PDB file of N, CA and C in Angstrom:
ATOM      1  N   MET A   1     -10.022 -13.389   2.001  1.00  0.00           N
ATOM      2  CA  MET A   1      -9.008 -12.371   1.719  1.00  0.00           C
ATOM      3  C   MET A   1      -8.893 -11.474   2.947  1.00  0.00           C
ATOM      4  N   SER A   2      -7.673 -11.280   3.420  1.00  0.00           N
ATOM      5  CA  SER A   2      -7.484 -10.476   4.622  1.00  0.00           C
ATOM      6  C   SER A   2      -7.501  -8.989   4.289  1.00  0.00           C
ATOM      7  N   VAL A   3      -7.556  -8.195   5.334  1.00  0.00           N
ATOM      8  CA  VAL A   3      -7.563  -6.738   5.180  1.00  0.00           C
ATOM      9  C   VAL A   3      -6.279  -6.283   4.505  1.00  0.00           C
ATOM     10  N   PHE A   4      -5.182  -6.959   4.826  1.00  0.00           N
ATOM     11  CA  PHE A   4      -3.887  -6.555   4.294  1.00  0.00           C
ATOM     12  C   PHE A   4      -3.792  -6.806   2.797  1.00  0.00           C
ATOM     13  N   SER A   5      -4.314  -7.934   2.330  1.00  0.00           N
ATOM     14  CA  SER A   5      -4.250  -8.213   0.909  1.00  0.00           C
ATOM     15  C   SER A   5      -5.156  -7.275   0.121  1.00  0.00           C
ATOM     16  N   VAL A   6      -6.261  -6.848   0.718  1.00  0.00           N
ATOM     17  CA  VAL A   6      -7.144  -5.895   0.049  1.00  0.00           C
ATOM     18  C   VAL A   6      -6.431  -4.559  -0.114  1.00  0.00           C
ATOM     19  N   LYS A   7      -5.778  -4.097   0.951  1.00  0.00           N
ATOM     20  CA  LYS A   7      -5.054  -2.836   0.860  1.00  0.00           C
ATOM     21  C   LYS A   7      -3.948  -2.932  -0.184  1.00  0.00           C
ATOM     22  N   PHE A   8      -3.237  -4.049  -0.195  1.00  0.00           N
ATOM     23  CA  PHE A   8      -2.152  -4.207  -1.136  1.00  0.00           C
ATOM     24  C   PHE A   8      -2.682  -4.290  -2.558  1.00  0.00           C
ATOM     25  N   ALA A   9      -3.821  -4.961  -2.738  1.00  0.00           N
ATOM     26  CA  ALA A   9      -4.428  -5.050  -4.063  1.00  0.00           C
ATOM     27  C   ALA A   9      -4.827  -3.671  -4.554  1.00  0.00           C
ATOM     28  N   ASN A  10      -5.359  -2.836  -3.671  1.00  0.00           N
ATOM     29  CA  ASN A  10      -5.723  -1.477  -4.062  1.00  0.00           C
ATOM     30  C   ASN A  10      -4.497  -0.685  -4.467  1.00  0.00           C
ATOM     31  N   ILE A  11      -3.400  -0.861  -3.756  1.00  0.00           N
ATOM     32  CA  ILE A  11      -2.161  -0.167  -4.107  1.00  0.00           C
ATOM     33  C   ILE A  11      -1.704  -0.589  -5.490  1.00  0.00           C
ATOM     34  N   GLY A  12      -1.716  -1.892  -5.741  1.00  0.00           N
ATOM     35  CA  GLY A  12      -1.276  -2.408  -7.036  1.00  0.00           C
ATOM     36  C   GLY A  12      -2.154  -1.937  -8.169  1.00  0.00           C
ATOM     37  N   ARG A  13      -3.454  -1.903  -7.941  1.00  0.00           N
ATOM     38  CA  ARG A  13      -4.384  -1.475  -8.980  1.00  0.00           C
ATOM     39  C   ARG A  13      -4.133  -0.017  -9.338  1.00  0.00           C
ATOM     40  N   ARG A  14      -3.890   0.840  -8.338  1.00  0.00           N
ATOM     41  CA  ARG A  14      -3.645   2.261  -8.589  1.00  0.00           C
ATOM     42  C   ARG A  14      -2.348   2.432  -9.367  1.00  0.00           C
ATOM     43  N   ALA A  15      -1.329   1.673  -8.995  1.00  0.00           N
ATOM     44  CA  ALA A  15      -0.057   1.756  -9.708  1.00  0.00           C
ATOM     45  C   ALA A  15      -0.245   1.323 -11.154  1.00  0.00           C
ATOM     46  N   PHE A  16      -1.089   0.319 -11.398  1.00  0.00           N
ATOM     47  CA  PHE A  16      -1.359  -0.146 -12.752  1.00  0.00           C
ATOM     48  C   PHE A  16      -2.064   0.931 -13.560  1.00  0.00           C
ATOM     49  N   VAL A  17      -3.032   1.598 -12.966  1.00  0.00           N
ATOM     50  CA  VAL A  17      -3.758   2.668 -13.656  1.00  0.00           C
ATOM     51  C   VAL A  17      -2.805   3.797 -14.014  1.00  0.00           C
ATOM     52  N   ILE A  18      -1.925   4.164 -13.082  1.00  0.00           N
ATOM     53  CA  ILE A  18      -0.970   5.240 -13.341  1.00  0.00           C
ATOM     54  C   ILE A  18      -0.024   4.844 -14.464  1.00  0.00           C
ATOM     55  N   SER A  19       0.485   3.609 -14.425  1.00  0.00           N
ATOM     56  CA  SER A  19       1.428   3.199 -15.463  1.00  0.00           C
ATOM     57  C   SER A  19       0.740   3.112 -16.818  1.00  0.00           C
ATOM     58  N   GLN A  20      -0.531   2.668 -16.868  1.00  0.00           N
ATOM     59  CA  GLN A  20      -1.257   2.600 -18.118  1.00  0.00           C
ATOM     60  C   GLN A  20      -1.510   3.988 -18.690  1.00  0.00           C
ATOM     61  N   SER A  21      -1.810   4.954 -17.825  1.00  0.00           N
ATOM     62  CA  SER A  21      -2.096   6.292 -18.321  1.00  0.00           C
ATOM     63  C   SER A  21      -0.836   6.930 -18.898  1.00  0.00           C
ATOM     64  N   ARG A  22       0.314   6.557 -18.405  1.00  0.00           N
ATOM     65  CA  ARG A  22       1.562   7.096 -18.944  1.00  0.00           C
ATOM     66  C   ARG A  22       1.833   6.576 -20.343  1.00  0.00           C
ATOM     67  N   LEU A  23       1.326   5.389 -20.651  1.00  0.00           N
ATOM     68  CA  LEU A  23       1.556   4.814 -21.959  1.00  0.00           C
ATOM     69  C   LEU A  23       0.732   5.491 -23.050  1.00  0.00           C
ATOM     70  N   MET A  24      -0.416   6.085 -22.680  1.00  0.00           N
ATOM     71  CA  MET A  24      -1.300   6.673 -23.677  1.00  0.00           C
ATOM     72  C   MET A  24      -0.675   7.911 -24.311  1.00  0.00           C
ATOM     73  N   SER A  25      -0.305   8.870 -23.515  1.00  0.00           N
ATOM     74  CA  SER A  25       0.383  10.060 -23.976  1.00  0.00           C
ATOM     75  C   SER A  25       0.830  10.825 -22.747  1.00  0.00           C
ATOM     76  N   GLU A  26       1.422  11.944 -22.979  1.00  0.00           N
ATOM     77  CA  GLU A  26       1.929  12.737 -21.864  1.00  0.00           C
ATOM     78  C   GLU A  26       0.766  13.353 -21.097  1.00  0.00           C
ATOM     79  N   LEU A  27       0.781  13.164 -19.776  1.00  0.00           N
ATOM     80  CA  LEU A  27      -0.290  13.710 -18.949  1.00  0.00           C
ATOM     81  C   LEU A  27      -0.255  15.238 -18.968  1.00  0.00           C
ATOM     82  N   GLY A  28      -1.438  15.822 -18.933  1.00  0.00           N
ATOM     83  CA  GLY A  28      -1.545  17.273 -18.901  1.00  0.00           C
ATOM     84  C   GLY A  28      -1.333  17.936 -20.238  1.00  0.00           C
ATOM     85  N   SER A  29      -1.354  17.142 -21.307  1.00  0.00           N
ATOM     86  CA  SER A  29      -1.061  17.713 -22.621  1.00  0.00           C
ATOM     87  C   SER A  29      -2.309  18.219 -23.340  1.00  0.00           C
ATOM     88  N   GLY A  30      -3.445  18.203 -22.676  1.00  0.00           N
ATOM     89  CA  GLY A  30      -4.653  18.754 -23.286  1.00  0.00           C
ATOM     90  C   GLY A  30      -5.759  17.734 -23.392  1.00  0.00           C
ATOM     91  N   ALA A  31      -6.969  18.208 -23.647  1.00  0.00           N
ATOM     92  CA  ALA A  31      -8.143  17.338 -23.717  1.00  0.00           C
ATOM     93  C   ALA A  31      -8.006  16.344 -24.850  1.00  0.00           C
ATOM     94  N   GLY A  32      -8.424  15.104 -24.574  1.00  0.00           N
ATOM     95  CA  GLY A  32      -8.409  14.084 -25.610  1.00  0.00           C
ATOM     96  C   GLY A  32      -7.054  13.470 -25.843  1.00  0.00           C
ATOM     97  N   LYS A  33      -6.059  13.835 -25.072  1.00  0.00           N
ATOM     98  CA  LYS A  33      -4.717  13.300 -25.280  1.00  0.00           C
ATOM     99  C   LYS A  33      -4.217  12.583 -24.028  1.00  0.00           C
ATOM    100  N   GLY A  34      -5.123  12.047 -23.248  1.00  0.00           N
ATOM    101  CA  GLY A  34      -4.730  11.317 -22.057  1.00  0.00           C
ATOM    102  C   GLY A  34      -4.650  12.193 -20.823  1.00  0.00           C
ATOM    103  N   GLY A  35      -4.575  13.497 -20.997  1.00  0.00           N
ATOM    104  CA  GLY A  35      -4.478  14.385 -19.846  1.00  0.00           C
ATOM    105  C   GLY A  35      -5.726  15.217 -19.666  1.00  0.00           C
ATOM    106  N   GLY A  36      -6.686  15.092 -20.577  1.00  0.00           N
ATOM    107  CA  GLY A  36      -7.890  15.910 -20.510  1.00  0.00           C
ATOM    108  C   GLY A  36      -8.920  15.343 -19.558  1.00  0.00           C
ATOM    109  N   GLY A  37      -9.959  16.097 -19.359  1.00  0.00           N
ATOM    110  CA  GLY A  37     -11.052  15.650 -18.519  1.00  0.00           C
ATOM    111  C   GLY A  37     -10.793  15.842 -17.037  1.00  0.00           C
ATOM    112  N   GLY A  38      -9.709  16.477 -16.689  1.00  0.00           N
ATOM    113  CA  GLY A  38      -9.373  16.649 -15.287  1.00  0.00           C
ATOM    114  C   GLY A  38      -9.616  18.051 -14.796  1.00  0.00           C
ATOM    115  N   GLY A  39     -10.401  18.810 -15.498  1.00  0.00           N
ATOM    116  CA  GLY A  39     -10.665  20.187 -15.102  1.00  0.00           C
ATOM    117  C   GLY A  39     -10.181  21.137 -16.173  1.00  0.00           C
ATOM    118  N   SER A  40     -10.544  22.401 -16.027  1.00  0.00           N
ATOM    119  CA  SER A  40     -10.262  23.376 -17.079  1.00  0.00           C
ATOM    120  C   SER A  40      -8.760  23.601 -17.274  1.00  0.00           C
ATOM    121  N   ILE A  41      -7.980  23.552 -16.203  1.00  0.00           N
ATOM    122  CA  ILE A  41      -6.538  23.782 -16.341  1.00  0.00           C
ATOM    123  C   ILE A  41      -5.898  22.657 -17.132  1.00  0.00           C
ATOM    124  N   ARG A  42      -6.241  21.413 -16.767  1.00  0.00           N
ATOM    125  CA  ARG A  42      -5.647  20.280 -17.485  1.00  0.00           C
ATOM    126  C   ARG A  42      -6.157  20.197 -18.913  1.00  0.00           C
ATOM    127  N   GLU A  43      -7.419  20.554 -19.130  1.00  0.00           N
ATOM    128  CA  GLU A  43      -7.971  20.500 -20.487  1.00  0.00           C
ATOM    129  C   GLU A  43      -7.288  21.499 -21.404  1.00  0.00           C
ATOM    130  N   ALA A  44      -6.870  22.613 -20.858  1.00  0.00           N
ATOM    131  CA  ALA A  44      -6.206  23.626 -21.679  1.00  0.00           C
ATOM    132  C   ALA A  44      -4.838  23.155 -22.120  1.00  0.00           C
ATOM    133  N   GLY A  45      -4.224  22.251 -21.370  1.00  0.00           N
ATOM    134  CA  GLY A  45      -2.907  21.756 -21.733  1.00  0.00           C
ATOM    135  C   GLY A  45      -1.838  22.760 -21.365  1.00  0.00           C
ATOM    136  N   GLY A  46      -0.703  22.663 -21.986  1.00  0.00           N
ATOM    137  CA  GLY A  46       0.388  23.576 -21.730  1.00  0.00           C
ATOM    138  C   GLY A  46       1.078  23.306 -20.401  1.00  0.00           C
ATOM    139  N   ALA A  47       1.843  24.300 -19.951  1.00  0.00           N
ATOM    140  CA  ALA A  47       2.665  24.144 -18.750  1.00  0.00           C
ATOM    141  C   ALA A  47       1.808  23.935 -17.502  1.00  0.00           C
ATOM    142  N   PHE A  48       0.697  24.663 -17.396  1.00  0.00           N
ATOM    143  CA  PHE A  48      -0.141  24.512 -16.213  1.00  0.00           C
ATOM    144  C   PHE A  48      -0.804  23.132 -16.175  1.00  0.00           C
ATOM    145  N   GLY A  49      -1.217  22.638 -17.340  1.00  0.00           N
ATOM    146  CA  GLY A  49      -1.810  21.303 -17.413  1.00  0.00           C
ATOM    147  C   GLY A  49      -0.809  20.237 -17.006  1.00  0.00           C
ATOM    148  N   LYS A  50       0.420  20.369 -17.481  1.00  0.00           N
ATOM    149  CA  LYS A  50       1.470  19.414 -17.123  1.00  0.00           C
ATOM    150  C   LYS A  50       1.801  19.509 -15.639  1.00  0.00           C
ATOM    151  N   MET A  51       1.818  20.731 -15.114  1.00  0.00           N
ATOM    152  CA  MET A  51       2.110  20.916 -13.694  1.00  0.00           C
ATOM    153  C   MET A  51       1.003  20.277 -12.845  1.00  0.00           C
ATOM    154  N   GLU A  52      -0.250  20.467 -13.236  1.00  0.00           N
ATOM    155  CA  GLU A  52      -1.367  19.879 -12.507  1.00  0.00           C
ATOM    156  C   GLU A  52      -1.295  18.352 -12.551  1.00  0.00           C
ATOM    157  N   ALA A  53      -0.953  17.796 -13.713  1.00  0.00           N
ATOM    158  CA  ALA A  53      -0.812  16.348 -13.833  1.00  0.00           C
ATOM    159  C   ALA A  53       0.327  15.849 -12.946  1.00  0.00           C
ATOM    160  N   ALA A  54       1.412  16.595 -12.882  1.00  0.00           N
ATOM    161  CA  ALA A  54       2.543  16.217 -12.031  1.00  0.00           C
ATOM    162  C   ALA A  54       2.152  16.242 -10.560  1.00  0.00           C
ATOM    163  N   HIS A  55       1.368  17.233 -10.156  1.00  0.00           N
ATOM    164  CA  HIS A  55       0.893  17.315  -8.763  1.00  0.00           C
ATOM    165  C   HIS A  55       0.000  16.119  -8.430  1.00  0.00           C
ATOM    166  N   GLU A  56      -0.841  15.756  -9.385  1.00  0.00           N
ATOM    167  CA  GLU A  56      -1.723  14.611  -9.166  1.00  0.00           C
ATOM    168  C   GLU A  56      -0.922  13.322  -9.034  1.00  0.00           C
ATOM    169  N   GLU A  57       0.050  13.141  -9.912  1.00  0.00           N
ATOM    170  CA  GLU A  57       0.908  11.955  -9.846  1.00  0.00           C
ATOM    171  C   GLU A  57       1.649  11.908  -8.516  1.00  0.00           C
ATOM    172  N   GLU A  58       2.156  13.052  -8.079  1.00  0.00           N
ATOM    173  CA  GLU A  58       2.880  13.124  -6.810  1.00  0.00           C
ATOM    174  C   GLU A  58       1.958  12.764  -5.644  1.00  0.00           C
ATOM    175  N   PHE A  59       0.730  13.248  -5.680  1.00  0.00           N
ATOM    176  CA  PHE A  59      -0.232  12.946  -4.622  1.00  0.00           C
ATOM    177  C   PHE A  59      -0.453  11.446  -4.507  1.00  0.00           C
ATOM    178  N   PHE A  60      -0.696  10.784  -5.642  1.00  0.00           N
ATOM    179  CA  PHE A  60      -0.964   9.347  -5.601  1.00  0.00           C
ATOM    180  C   PHE A  60       0.289   8.554  -5.230  1.00  0.00           C
ATOM    181  N   TYR A  61       1.451   9.024  -5.639  1.00  0.00           N
ATOM    182  CA  TYR A  61       2.695   8.358  -5.256  1.00  0.00           C
ATOM    183  C   TYR A  61       2.870   8.423  -3.738  1.00  0.00           C
ATOM    184  N   LYS A  62       2.663   9.610  -3.161  1.00  0.00           N
ATOM    185  CA  LYS A  62       2.800   9.760  -1.709  1.00  0.00           C
ATOM    186  C   LYS A  62       1.746   8.934  -0.974  1.00  0.00           C
ATOM    187  N   LYS A  63       0.534   8.896  -1.508  1.00  0.00           N
ATOM    188  CA  LYS A  63      -0.540   8.097  -0.905  1.00  0.00           C
ATOM    189  C   LYS A  63      -0.150   6.617  -0.912  1.00  0.00           C
ATOM    190  N   GLN A  64       0.392   6.159  -2.021  1.00  0.00           N
ATOM    191  CA  GLN A  64       0.816   4.772  -2.142  1.00  0.00           C
ATOM    192  C   GLN A  64       1.944   4.462  -1.153  1.00  0.00           C
ATOM    193  N   GLN A  65       2.905   5.366  -1.022  1.00  0.00           N
ATOM    194  CA  GLN A  65       4.009   5.157  -0.082  1.00  0.00           C
ATOM    195  C   GLN A  65       3.499   5.105   1.357  1.00  0.00           C
ATOM    196  N   GLU A  66       2.538   5.950   1.698  1.00  0.00           N
ATOM    197  CA  GLU A  66       1.952   5.949   3.042  1.00  0.00           C
ATOM    198  C   GLU A  66       1.223   4.632   3.307  1.00  0.00           C
ATOM    199  N   GLN A  67       0.483   4.136   2.320  1.00  0.00           N
ATOM    200  CA  GLN A  67      -0.223   2.869   2.485  1.00  0.00           C
ATOM    201  C   GLN A  67       0.762   1.724   2.675  1.00  0.00           C
ATOM    202  N   LEU A  68       1.849   1.728   1.935  1.00  0.00           N
ATOM    203  CA  LEU A  68       2.869   0.694   2.092  1.00  0.00           C
ATOM    204  C   LEU A  68       3.505   0.763   3.481  1.00  0.00           C
ATOM    205  N   ARG A  69       3.770   1.980   3.963  1.00  0.00           N
ATOM    206  CA  ARG A  69       4.356   2.158   5.290  1.00  0.00           C
ATOM    207  C   ARG A  69       3.409   1.620   6.356  1.00  0.00           C
ATOM    208  N   GLN A  70       2.131   1.940   6.226  1.00  0.00           N
ATOM    209  CA  GLN A  70       1.145   1.450   7.187  1.00  0.00           C
ATOM    210  C   GLN A  70       1.044  -0.072   7.148  1.00  0.00           C
ATOM    211  N   LEU A  71       1.077  -0.652   5.963  1.00  0.00           N
ATOM    212  CA  LEU A  71       1.018  -2.103   5.825  1.00  0.00           C
ATOM    213  C   LEU A  71       2.221  -2.759   6.493  1.00  0.00           C
ATOM    214  N   LYS A  72       3.416  -2.213   6.262  1.00  0.00           N
ATOM    215  CA  LYS A  72       4.622  -2.755   6.883  1.00  0.00           C
ATOM    216  C   LYS A  72       4.551  -2.661   8.399  1.00  0.00           C
ATOM    217  N   ASN A  73       4.107  -1.519   8.921  1.00  0.00           N
ATOM    218  CA  ASN A  73       3.983  -1.354  10.370  1.00  0.00           C
ATOM    219  C   ASN A  73       2.995  -2.356  10.956  1.00  0.00           C
ATOM    220  N   THR A  74       1.877  -2.547  10.294  1.00  0.00           N
ATOM    221  CA  THR A  74       0.872  -3.491  10.770  1.00  0.00           C
ATOM    222  C   THR A  74       1.429  -4.910  10.776  1.00  0.00           C
ATOM    223  N   LEU A  75       2.151  -5.264   9.728  1.00  0.00           N
ATOM    224  CA  LEU A  75       2.728  -6.603   9.665  1.00  0.00           C
ATOM    225  C   LEU A  75       3.795  -6.804  10.747  1.00  0.00           C
ATOM    226  N   HIS A  76       4.595  -5.766  11.018  1.00  0.00           N
ATOM    227  CA  HIS A  76       5.585  -5.857  12.096  1.00  0.00           C
ATOM    228  C   HIS A  76       4.888  -6.055  13.441  1.00  0.00           C
ATOM    229  N   ASP A  77       3.785  -5.361  13.656  1.00  0.00           N
ATOM    230  CA  ASP A  77       3.014  -5.520  14.895  1.00  0.00           C
ATOM    231  C   ASP A  77       2.467  -6.941  15.020  1.00  0.00           C
ATOM    232  N   GLU A  78       1.966  -7.486  13.921  1.00  0.00           N
ATOM    233  CA  GLU A  78       1.441  -8.852  13.951  1.00  0.00           C
ATOM    234  C   GLU A  78       2.543  -9.856  14.235  1.00  0.00           C
ATOM    235  N   ILE A  79       3.711  -9.663  13.631  1.00  0.00           N
ATOM    236  CA  ILE A  79       4.842 -10.557  13.879  1.00  0.00           C
ATOM    237  C   ILE A  79       5.213 -10.533  15.358  1.00  0.00           C
ATOM    238  N   ALA A  80       5.299  -9.346  15.941  1.00  0.00           N
ATOM    239  CA  ALA A  80       5.637  -9.224  17.362  1.00  0.00           C
ATOM    240  C   ALA A  80       4.593  -9.938  18.222  1.00  0.00           C
ATOM    241  N   HIS A  81       3.321  -9.778  17.875  1.00  0.00           N
ATOM    242  CA  HIS A  81       2.246 -10.440  18.614  1.00  0.00           C
ATOM    243  C   HIS A  81       2.404 -11.958  18.555  1.00  0.00           C
ATOM    244  N   HIS A  82       2.662 -12.496  17.365  1.00  0.00           N
ATOM    245  CA  HIS A  82       2.807 -13.944  17.215  1.00  0.00           C
ATOM    246  C   HIS A  82       4.057 -14.459  17.924  1.00  0.00           C
ATOM    247  N   GLU A  83       5.127 -13.677  17.915  1.00  0.00           N
ATOM    248  CA  GLU A  83       6.335 -14.088  18.632  1.00  0.00           C
ATOM    249  C   GLU A  83       6.069 -14.167  20.137  1.00  0.00           C
ATOM    250  N   LYS A  84       5.284 -13.224  20.667  1.00  0.00           N
ATOM    251  CA  LYS A  84       4.907 -13.279  22.084  1.00  0.00           C
ATOM    252  C   LYS A  84       4.070 -14.515  22.368  1.00  0.00           C
ATOM    253  N   GLN A  85       3.147 -14.837  21.460  1.00  0.00           N
ATOM    254  CA  GLN A  85       2.325 -16.033  21.645  1.00  0.00           C
ATOM    255  C   GLN A  85       3.184 -17.294  21.630  1.00  0.00           C
ATOM    256  N   ILE A  86       4.148 -17.345  20.719  1.00  0.00           N
ATOM    257  CA  ILE A  86       5.045 -18.500  20.644  1.00  0.00           C
ATOM    258  C   ILE A  86       5.787 -18.663  21.967  1.00  0.00           C
ATOM    259  N   LYS A  87       6.326 -17.573  22.476  1.00  0.00           N
ATOM    260  CA  LYS A  87       7.066 -17.623  23.742  1.00  0.00           C
ATOM    261  C   LYS A  87       6.157 -18.108  24.866  1.00  0.00           C
ATOM    262  N   ARG A  88       4.932 -17.600  24.916  1.00  0.00           N
ATOM    263  CA  ARG A  88       3.987 -18.002  25.957  1.00  0.00           C
ATOM    264  C   ARG A  88       3.653 -19.483  25.841  1.00  0.00           C
ATOM    265  N   HIS A  89       3.466 -19.982  24.631  1.00  0.00           N
ATOM    266  CA  HIS A  89       3.160 -21.399  24.423  1.00  0.00           C
ATOM    267  C   HIS A  89       4.362 -22.282  24.782  1.00  0.00           C
ATOM    268  N   GLN A  90       5.564 -21.822  24.432  1.00  0.00           N
ATOM    269  CA  GLN A  90       6.759 -22.597  24.783  1.00  0.00           C
ATOM    270  C   GLN A  90       6.910 -22.698  26.296  1.00  0.00           C
ATOM    271  N   GLU A  91       6.612 -21.621  27.006  1.00  0.00           N
ATOM    272  CA  GLU A  91       6.670 -21.656  28.474  1.00  0.00           C
ATOM    273  C   GLU A  91       5.625 -22.614  29.034  1.00  0.00           C
ATOM    274  N   ALA A  92       4.441 -22.631  28.444  1.00  0.00           N
ATOM    275  CA  ALA A  92       3.393 -23.551  28.888  1.00  0.00           C
ATOM    276  C   ALA A  92       3.809 -24.999  28.630  1.00  0.00           C
ATOM    277  N   ILE A  93       4.410 -25.280  27.496  1.00  0.00           N
ATOM    278  CA  ILE A  93       4.888 -26.637  27.177  1.00  0.00           C
ATOM    279  C   ILE A  93       5.916 -27.079  28.212  1.00  0.00           C
ATOM    280  N   LYS A  94       6.849 -26.157  28.530  1.00  0.00           N
ATOM    281  CA  LYS A  94       7.879 -26.490  29.525  1.00  0.00           C
ATOM    282  C   LYS A  94       7.245 -26.800  30.880  1.00  0.00           C
ATOM    283  N   ARG A  95       6.269 -26.011  31.292  1.00  0.00           N
ATOM    284  CA  ARG A  95       5.583 -26.268  32.565  1.00  0.00           C
ATOM    285  C   ARG A  95       4.906 -27.624  32.571  1.00  0.00           C
ATOM    286  N   HIS A  96       4.245 -27.968  31.470  1.00  0.00           N
ATOM    287  CA  HIS A  96       3.565 -29.262  31.383  1.00  0.00           C
ATOM    288  C   HIS A  96       4.566 -30.416  31.398  1.00  0.00           C
ATOM    289  N   ARG A  97       5.674 -30.265  30.709  1.00  0.00           N
ATOM    290  CA  ARG A  97       6.712 -31.313  30.719  1.00  0.00           C
ATOM    291  C   ARG A  97       7.286 -31.489  32.119  1.00  0.00           C
ATOM    292  N   ASP A  98       7.494 -30.366  32.816  1.00  0.00           N
ATOM    293  CA  ASP A  98       7.998 -30.440  34.190  1.00  0.00           C
ATOM    294  C   ASP A  98       7.004 -31.172  35.084  1.00  0.00           C
ATOM    295  N   ARG A  99       5.723 -30.934  34.906  1.00  0.00           N
ATOM    296  CA  ARG A  99       4.705 -31.629  35.702  1.00  0.00           C
ATOM    297  C   ARG A  99       4.711 -33.117  35.410  1.00  0.00           C
ATOM    298  N   ILE A 100       4.875 -33.473  34.107  1.00  0.00           N
ATOM    299  CA  ILE A 100       4.943 -34.894  33.746  1.00  0.00           C
ATOM    300  C   ILE A 100       6.130 -35.558  34.421  1.00  0.00           C
ATOM    301  N   GLU A 101       7.299 -34.874  34.422  1.00  0.00           N
ATOM    302  CA  GLU A 101       8.481 -35.422  35.057  1.00  0.00           C
ATOM    303  C   GLU A 101       8.256 -35.582  36.567  1.00  0.00           C
ATOM    304  N   ASP A 102       7.574 -34.630  37.181  1.00  0.00           N
ATOM    305  CA  ASP A 102       7.289 -34.731  38.613  1.00  0.00           C
ATOM    306  C   ASP A 102       6.375 -35.914  38.923  1.00  0.00           C
ATOM    307  N   LEU A 103       5.449 -36.218  38.023  1.00  0.00           N
ATOM    308  CA  LEU A 103       4.526 -37.317  38.238  1.00  0.00           C
ATOM    309  C   LEU A 103       5.192 -38.684  38.035  1.00  0.00           C
ATOM    310  N   GLU A 104       6.255 -38.741  37.273  1.00  0.00           N
ATOM    311  CA  GLU A 104       6.937 -40.008  36.996  1.00  0.00           C
ATOM    312  C   GLU A 104       7.895 -40.335  38.042  1.00  0.00           C
TER     313      GLU A 104
END
């Protein structure tokens, strides 16, 4: 498994956890209702609990977007590297063919 697939798997797993937690109940709605256990503000529920849950969701969303951006940039860099290698190999093939023609 490459480094890229591990990063992508981590992104997918986090998205799955977030989507599963949304199915249980509304985040930040108080202890024992899917939003509890995240500190005294979230356990109390109410507007502050919901706001804290929203901030947490936003943090993980931005983190996920940053990881995706980094993955895309890395893949673009790898593509450019391989394209340079292809060009270098094609030039070497042409040189070898020219030498064969010179020998014949």
